[in-house]
Amino acid sequence: MTDTRARRRWLAMVGSRLAGTAGAVFGLVLTARTHDWPIEVLGIAITLSALAVIAIVPASLAHRWRTPPQP
């Protein structure tokens, strides 16, 4: 594998983690700054889905891009 391909893949995994973190922070801010229950539920849902993105997406990308075992 070329060095540039590995770097692009690493940046994709780190970028997905950063996007998930930004989404989680946005959801927490939305939850903390509102007094209406529908928007608070929306903030909680955004936070939980962003945490799922942080946990699932980088692992699935690493699984997809792994080197196949040698026979």
PDB file of N, CA and C in Angstrom:
ATOM      1  N   MET A   1       0.839  -1.166   0.000  1.00  0.00           N
ATOM      2  CA  MET A   1       0.000   0.000   0.000  1.00  0.00           C
ATOM      3  C   MET A   1       0.889   1.236   0.000  1.00  0.00           C
ATOM      4  N   THR A   2       0.501   2.183  -0.804  1.00  0.00           N
ATOM      5  CA  THR A   2       1.295   3.398  -0.881  1.00  0.00           C
ATOM      6  C   THR A   2       1.097   4.233   0.370  1.00  0.00           C
ATOM      7  N   ASP A   3       2.072   5.076   0.604  1.00  0.00           N
ATOM      8  CA  ASP A   3       2.037   5.920   1.793  1.00  0.00           C
ATOM      9  C   ASP A   3       0.896   6.935   1.727  1.00  0.00           C
ATOM     10  N   THR A   4       0.601   7.452   0.540  1.00  0.00           N
ATOM     11  CA  THR A   4      -0.479   8.433   0.428  1.00  0.00           C
ATOM     12  C   THR A   4      -1.844   7.798   0.656  1.00  0.00           C
ATOM     13  N   ARG A   5      -2.030   6.563   0.222  1.00  0.00           N
ATOM     14  CA  ARG A   5      -3.305   5.878   0.464  1.00  0.00           C
ATOM     15  C   ARG A   5      -3.499   5.632   1.956  1.00  0.00           C
ATOM     16  N   ALA A   6      -2.464   5.210   2.624  1.00  0.00           N
ATOM     17  CA  ALA A   6      -2.564   4.981   4.062  1.00  0.00           C
ATOM     18  C   ALA A   6      -2.851   6.286   4.803  1.00  0.00           C
ATOM     19  N   ARG A   7      -2.234   7.364   4.383  1.00  0.00           N
ATOM     20  CA  ARG A   7      -2.460   8.664   5.016  1.00  0.00           C
ATOM     21  C   ARG A   7      -3.911   9.124   4.794  1.00  0.00           C
ATOM     22  N   ARG A   8      -4.426   8.941   3.578  1.00  0.00           N
ATOM     23  CA  ARG A   8      -5.817   9.331   3.296  1.00  0.00           C
ATOM     24  C   ARG A   8      -6.792   8.507   4.126  1.00  0.00           C
ATOM     25  N   ARG A   9      -6.518   7.237   4.272  1.00  0.00           N
ATOM     26  CA  ARG A   9      -7.400   6.388   5.074  1.00  0.00           C
ATOM     27  C   ARG A   9      -7.352   6.773   6.547  1.00  0.00           C
ATOM     28  N   TRP A  10      -6.164   7.078   7.043  1.00  0.00           N
ATOM     29  CA  TRP A  10      -6.028   7.501   8.431  1.00  0.00           C
ATOM     30  C   TRP A  10      -6.768   8.816   8.656  1.00  0.00           C
ATOM     31  N   LEU A  11      -6.637   9.745   7.705  1.00  0.00           N
ATOM     32  CA  LEU A  11      -7.346  11.016   7.825  1.00  0.00           C
ATOM     33  C   LEU A  11      -8.857  10.823   7.771  1.00  0.00           C
ATOM     34  N   ALA A  12      -9.333   9.877   6.990  1.00  0.00           N
ATOM     35  CA  ALA A  12     -10.766   9.595   6.938  1.00  0.00           C
ATOM     36  C   ALA A  12     -11.265   9.075   8.287  1.00  0.00           C
ATOM     37  N   MET A  13     -10.494   8.204   8.920  1.00  0.00           N
ATOM     38  CA  MET A  13     -10.900   7.686  10.223  1.00  0.00           C
ATOM     39  C   MET A  13     -10.863   8.782  11.290  1.00  0.00           C
ATOM     40  N   VAL A  14      -9.824   9.593  11.285  1.00  0.00           N
ATOM     41  CA  VAL A  14      -9.728  10.682  12.253  1.00  0.00           C
ATOM     42  C   VAL A  14     -10.817  11.716  11.990  1.00  0.00           C
ATOM     43  N   GLY A  15     -11.098  11.990  10.723  1.00  0.00           N
ATOM     44  CA  GLY A  15     -12.155  12.938  10.383  1.00  0.00           C
ATOM     45  C   GLY A  15     -13.526  12.477  10.847  1.00  0.00           C
ATOM     46  N   SER A  16     -13.791  11.188  10.748  1.00  0.00           N
ATOM     47  CA  SER A  16     -15.074  10.681  11.236  1.00  0.00           C
ATOM     48  C   SER A  16     -15.165  10.799  12.755  1.00  0.00           C
ATOM     49  N   ARG A  17     -14.049  10.595  13.439  1.00  0.00           N
ATOM     50  CA  ARG A  17     -14.054  10.778  14.896  1.00  0.00           C
ATOM     51  C   ARG A  17     -14.291  12.240  15.262  1.00  0.00           C
ATOM     52  N   LEU A  18     -13.649  13.152  14.541  1.00  0.00           N
ATOM     53  CA  LEU A  18     -13.827  14.578  14.825  1.00  0.00           C
ATOM     54  C   LEU A  18     -15.250  15.034  14.516  1.00  0.00           C
ATOM     55  N   ALA A  19     -15.821  14.541  13.429  1.00  0.00           N
ATOM     56  CA  ALA A  19     -17.200  14.897  13.095  1.00  0.00           C
ATOM     57  C   ALA A  19     -18.165  14.371  14.153  1.00  0.00           C
ATOM     58  N   GLY A  20     -17.926  13.167  14.635  1.00  0.00           N
ATOM     59  CA  GLY A  20     -18.759  12.623  15.701  1.00  0.00           C
ATOM     60  C   GLY A  20     -18.624  13.411  16.993  1.00  0.00           C
ATOM     61  N   THR A  21     -17.416  13.830  17.298  1.00  0.00           N
ATOM     62  CA  THR A  21     -17.201  14.632  18.498  1.00  0.00           C
ATOM     63  C   THR A  21     -17.897  15.981  18.387  1.00  0.00           C
ATOM     64  N   ALA A  22     -17.806  16.608  17.224  1.00  0.00           N
ATOM     65  CA  ALA A  22     -18.493  17.889  17.017  1.00  0.00           C
ATOM     66  C   ALA A  22     -20.005  17.716  17.141  1.00  0.00           C
ATOM     67  N   GLY A  23     -20.531  16.628  16.608  1.00  0.00           N
ATOM     68  CA  GLY A  23     -21.964  16.361  16.735  1.00  0.00           C
ATOM     69  C   GLY A  23     -22.385  16.136  18.173  1.00  0.00           C
ATOM     70  N   ALA A  24     -21.553  15.431  18.940  1.00  0.00           N
ATOM     71  CA  ALA A  24     -21.873  15.190  20.345  1.00  0.00           C
ATOM     72  C   ALA A  24     -21.861  16.491  21.145  1.00  0.00           C
ATOM     73  N   VAL A  25     -20.887  17.339  20.879  1.00  0.00           N
ATOM     74  CA  VAL A  25     -20.826  18.633  21.566  1.00  0.00           C
ATOM     75  C   VAL A  25     -22.038  19.486  21.186  1.00  0.00           C
ATOM     76  N   PHE A  26     -22.399  19.477  19.909  1.00  0.00           N
ATOM     77  CA  PHE A  26     -23.581  20.228  19.475  1.00  0.00           C
ATOM     78  C   PHE A  26     -24.838  19.722  20.172  1.00  0.00           C
ATOM     79  N   GLY A  27     -24.989  18.419  20.281  1.00  0.00           N
ATOM     80  CA  GLY A  27     -26.146  17.854  20.958  1.00  0.00           C
ATOM     81  C   GLY A  27     -26.188  18.216  22.435  1.00  0.00           C
ATOM     82  N   LEU A  28     -25.031  18.210  23.088  1.00  0.00           N
ATOM     83  CA  LEU A  28     -24.985  18.591  24.505  1.00  0.00           C
ATOM     84  C   LEU A  28     -25.319  20.058  24.700  1.00  0.00           C
ATOM     85  N   VAL A  29     -24.798  20.916  23.827  1.00  0.00           N
ATOM     86  CA  VAL A  29     -25.107  22.342  23.928  1.00  0.00           C
ATOM     87  C   VAL A  29     -26.591  22.579  23.679  1.00  0.00           C
ATOM     88  N   LEU A  30     -27.147  21.896  22.694  1.00  0.00           N
ATOM     89  CA  LEU A  30     -28.563  22.030  22.394  1.00  0.00           C
ATOM     90  C   LEU A  30     -29.415  21.576  23.575  1.00  0.00           C
ATOM     91  N   THR A  31     -29.024  20.508  24.209  1.00  0.00           N
ATOM     92  CA  THR A  31     -29.771  19.997  25.358  1.00  0.00           C
ATOM     93  C   THR A  31     -29.667  20.942  26.552  1.00  0.00           C
ATOM     94  N   ALA A  32     -28.508  21.505  26.771  1.00  0.00           N
ATOM     95  CA  ALA A  32     -28.297  22.345  27.949  1.00  0.00           C
ATOM     96  C   ALA A  32     -28.937  23.725  27.816  1.00  0.00           C
ATOM     97  N   ARG A  33     -29.092  24.242  26.593  1.00  0.00           N
ATOM     98  CA  ARG A  33     -29.540  25.612  26.420  1.00  0.00           C
ATOM     99  C   ARG A  33     -31.034  25.760  26.160  1.00  0.00           C
ATOM    100  N   THR A  34     -31.753  24.668  26.126  1.00  0.00           N
ATOM    101  CA  THR A  34     -33.174  24.763  25.816  1.00  0.00           C
ATOM    102  C   THR A  34     -34.024  24.450  27.041  1.00  0.00           C
ATOM    103  N   HIS A  35     -35.278  24.916  26.966  1.00  0.00           N
ATOM    104  CA  HIS A  35     -36.226  24.622  28.029  1.00  0.00           C
ATOM    105  C   HIS A  35     -37.438  23.870  27.494  1.00  0.00           C
ATOM    106  N   ASP A  36     -37.494  23.680  26.181  1.00  0.00           N
ATOM    107  CA  ASP A  36     -38.591  22.939  25.572  1.00  0.00           C
ATOM    108  C   ASP A  36     -38.214  21.461  25.483  1.00  0.00           C
ATOM    109  N   TRP A  37     -39.146  20.592  25.861  1.00  0.00           N
ATOM    110  CA  TRP A  37     -38.812  19.166  25.904  1.00  0.00           C
ATOM    111  C   TRP A  37     -38.591  18.556  24.525  1.00  0.00           C
ATOM    112  N   PRO A  38     -39.269  18.967  23.434  1.00  0.00           N
ATOM    113  CA  PRO A  38     -38.973  18.319  22.143  1.00  0.00           C
ATOM    114  C   PRO A  38     -37.547  18.608  21.658  1.00  0.00           C
ATOM    115  N   ILE A  39     -37.099  19.821  21.883  1.00  0.00           N
ATOM    116  CA  ILE A  39     -35.745  20.164  21.458  1.00  0.00           C
ATOM    117  C   ILE A  39     -34.719  19.475  22.357  1.00  0.00           C
ATOM    118  N   GLU A  40     -35.051  19.309  23.618  1.00  0.00           N
ATOM    119  CA  GLU A  40     -34.152  18.589  24.525  1.00  0.00           C
ATOM    120  C   GLU A  40     -34.028  17.124  24.111  1.00  0.00           C
ATOM    121  N   VAL A  41     -35.119  16.508  23.721  1.00  0.00           N
ATOM    122  CA  VAL A  41     -35.086  15.127  23.240  1.00  0.00           C
ATOM    123  C   VAL A  41     -34.277  15.039  21.950  1.00  0.00           C
ATOM    124  N   LEU A  42     -34.430  16.038  21.079  1.00  0.00           N
ATOM    125  CA  LEU A  42     -33.641  16.080  19.850  1.00  0.00           C
ATOM    126  C   LEU A  42     -32.148  16.189  20.162  1.00  0.00           C
ATOM    127  N   GLY A  43     -31.780  17.008  21.132  1.00  0.00           N
ATOM    128  CA  GLY A  43     -30.374  17.133  21.526  1.00  0.00           C
ATOM    129  C   GLY A  43     -29.817  15.837  22.074  1.00  0.00           C
ATOM    130  N   ILE A  44     -30.612  15.128  22.858  1.00  0.00           N
ATOM    131  CA  ILE A  44     -30.171  13.834  23.391  1.00  0.00           C
ATOM    132  C   ILE A  44     -29.998  12.830  22.261  1.00  0.00           C
ATOM    133  N   ALA A  45     -30.929  12.831  21.301  1.00  0.00           N
ATOM    134  CA  ALA A  45     -30.826  11.912  20.171  1.00  0.00           C
ATOM    135  C   ALA A  45     -29.598  12.219  19.314  1.00  0.00           C
ATOM    136  N   ILE A  46     -29.319  13.494  19.103  1.00  0.00           N
ATOM    137  CA  ILE A  46     -28.125  13.875  18.343  1.00  0.00           C
ATOM    138  C   ILE A  46     -26.873  13.425  19.071  1.00  0.00           C
ATOM    139  N   THR A  47     -26.839  13.616  20.373  1.00  0.00           N
ATOM    140  CA  THR A  47     -25.669  13.211  21.161  1.00  0.00           C
ATOM    141  C   THR A  47     -25.454  11.703  21.088  1.00  0.00           C
ATOM    142  N   LEU A  48     -26.512  10.931  21.255  1.00  0.00           N
ATOM    143  CA  LEU A  48     -26.376   9.472  21.223  1.00  0.00           C
ATOM    144  C   LEU A  48     -25.974   8.965  19.845  1.00  0.00           C
ATOM    145  N   SER A  49     -26.534   9.557  18.800  1.00  0.00           N
ATOM    146  CA  SER A  49     -26.154   9.115  17.458  1.00  0.00           C
ATOM    147  C   SER A  49     -24.716   9.519  17.132  1.00  0.00           C
ATOM    148  N   ALA A  50     -24.276  10.661  17.618  1.00  0.00           N
ATOM    149  CA  ALA A  50     -22.887  11.061  17.399  1.00  0.00           C
ATOM    150  C   ALA A  50     -21.925  10.146  18.147  1.00  0.00           C
ATOM    151  N   LEU A  51     -22.297   9.718  19.342  1.00  0.00           N
ATOM    152  CA  LEU A  51     -21.457   8.767  20.071  1.00  0.00           C
ATOM    153  C   LEU A  51     -21.395   7.426  19.347  1.00  0.00           C
ATOM    154  N   ALA A  52     -22.495   7.035  18.736  1.00  0.00           N
ATOM    155  CA  ALA A  52     -22.486   5.804  17.946  1.00  0.00           C
ATOM    156  C   ALA A  52     -21.571   5.951  16.730  1.00  0.00           C
ATOM    157  N   VAL A  53     -21.577   7.117  16.105  1.00  0.00           N
ATOM    158  CA  VAL A  53     -20.687   7.368  14.968  1.00  0.00           C
ATOM    159  C   VAL A  53     -19.230   7.265  15.410  1.00  0.00           C
ATOM    160  N   ILE A  54     -18.915   7.829  16.565  1.00  0.00           N
ATOM    161  CA  ILE A  54     -17.543   7.773  17.076  1.00  0.00           C
ATOM    162  C   ILE A  54     -17.110   6.325  17.297  1.00  0.00           C
ATOM    163  N   ALA A  55     -18.021   5.485  17.762  1.00  0.00           N
ATOM    164  CA  ALA A  55     -17.669   4.103  18.082  1.00  0.00           C
ATOM    165  C   ALA A  55     -17.675   3.179  16.872  1.00  0.00           C
ATOM    166  N   ILE A  56     -18.597   3.386  15.945  1.00  0.00           N
ATOM    167  CA  ILE A  56     -18.819   2.396  14.892  1.00  0.00           C
ATOM    168  C   ILE A  56     -18.073   2.697  13.599  1.00  0.00           C
ATOM    169  N   VAL A  57     -18.106   3.935  13.137  1.00  0.00           N
ATOM    170  CA  VAL A  57     -17.583   4.259  11.805  1.00  0.00           C
ATOM    171  C   VAL A  57     -16.080   3.991  11.675  1.00  0.00           C
ATOM    172  N   PRO A  58     -15.212   4.453  12.585  1.00  0.00           N
ATOM    173  CA  PRO A  58     -13.785   4.152  12.398  1.00  0.00           C
ATOM    174  C   PRO A  58     -13.471   2.656  12.429  1.00  0.00           C
ATOM    175  N   ALA A  59     -14.176   1.921  13.272  1.00  0.00           N
ATOM    176  CA  ALA A  59     -13.944   0.477  13.329  1.00  0.00           C
ATOM    177  C   ALA A  59     -14.389  -0.207  12.037  1.00  0.00           C
ATOM    178  N   SER A  60     -15.499   0.222  11.480  1.00  0.00           N
ATOM    179  CA  SER A  60     -15.946  -0.395  10.231  1.00  0.00           C
ATOM    180  C   SER A  60     -15.042  -0.025   9.069  1.00  0.00           C
ATOM    181  N   LEU A  61     -14.514   1.205   9.062  1.00  0.00           N
ATOM    182  CA  LEU A  61     -13.563   1.584   8.017  1.00  0.00           C
ATOM    183  C   LEU A  61     -12.272   0.768   8.135  1.00  0.00           C
ATOM    184  N   ALA A  62     -11.791   0.586   9.355  1.00  0.00           N
ATOM    185  CA  ALA A  62     -10.582  -0.213   9.546  1.00  0.00           C
ATOM    186  C   ALA A  62     -10.816  -1.659   9.128  1.00  0.00           C
ATOM    187  N   HIS A  63     -12.002  -2.181   9.414  1.00  0.00           N
ATOM    188  CA  HIS A  63     -12.318  -3.554   9.012  1.00  0.00           C
ATOM    189  C   HIS A  63     -12.391  -3.671   7.485  1.00  0.00           C
ATOM    190  N   ARG A  64     -12.952  -2.672   6.834  1.00  0.00           N
ATOM    191  CA  ARG A  64     -13.078  -2.698   5.380  1.00  0.00           C
ATOM    192  C   ARG A  64     -11.719  -2.598   4.702  1.00  0.00           C
ATOM    193  N   TRP A  65     -10.825  -1.799   5.283  1.00  0.00           N
ATOM    194  CA  TRP A  65      -9.542  -1.533   4.642  1.00  0.00           C
ATOM    195  C   TRP A  65      -8.410  -2.430   5.123  1.00  0.00           C
ATOM    196  N   ARG A  66      -8.684  -3.400   5.958  1.00  0.00           N
ATOM    197  CA  ARG A  66      -7.603  -4.229   6.463  1.00  0.00           C
ATOM    198  C   ARG A  66      -6.964  -5.043   5.346  1.00  0.00           C
ATOM    199  N   THR A  67      -5.736  -5.427   5.542  1.00  0.00           N
ATOM    200  CA  THR A  67      -5.016  -6.233   4.586  1.00  0.00           C
ATOM    201  C   THR A  67      -5.483  -7.673   4.705  1.00  0.00           C
ATOM    202  N   PRO A  68      -5.807  -8.331   3.596  1.00  0.00           N
ATOM    203  CA  PRO A  68      -6.238  -9.721   3.702  1.00  0.00           C
ATOM    204  C   PRO A  68      -5.111 -10.615   4.204  1.00  0.00           C
ATOM    205  N   PRO A  69      -5.450 -11.656   4.947  1.00  0.00           N
ATOM    206  CA  PRO A  69      -4.412 -12.549   5.466  1.00  0.00           C
ATOM    207  C   PRO A  69      -3.710 -13.283   4.326  1.00  0.00           C
ATOM    208  N   GLN A  70      -2.429 -13.506   4.524  1.00  0.00           N
ATOM    209  CA  GLN A  70      -1.622 -14.236   3.531  1.00  0.00           C
ATOM    210  C   GLN A  70      -1.844 -15.726   3.707  1.00  0.00           C
ATOM    211  N   PRO A  71      -1.933 -16.476   2.591  1.00  0.00           N
ATOM    212  CA  PRO A  71      -2.158 -17.935   2.703  1.00  0.00           C
ATOM    213  C   PRO A  71      -0.946 -18.677   3.237  1.00  0.00           C
TER     214      PRO A  71
END
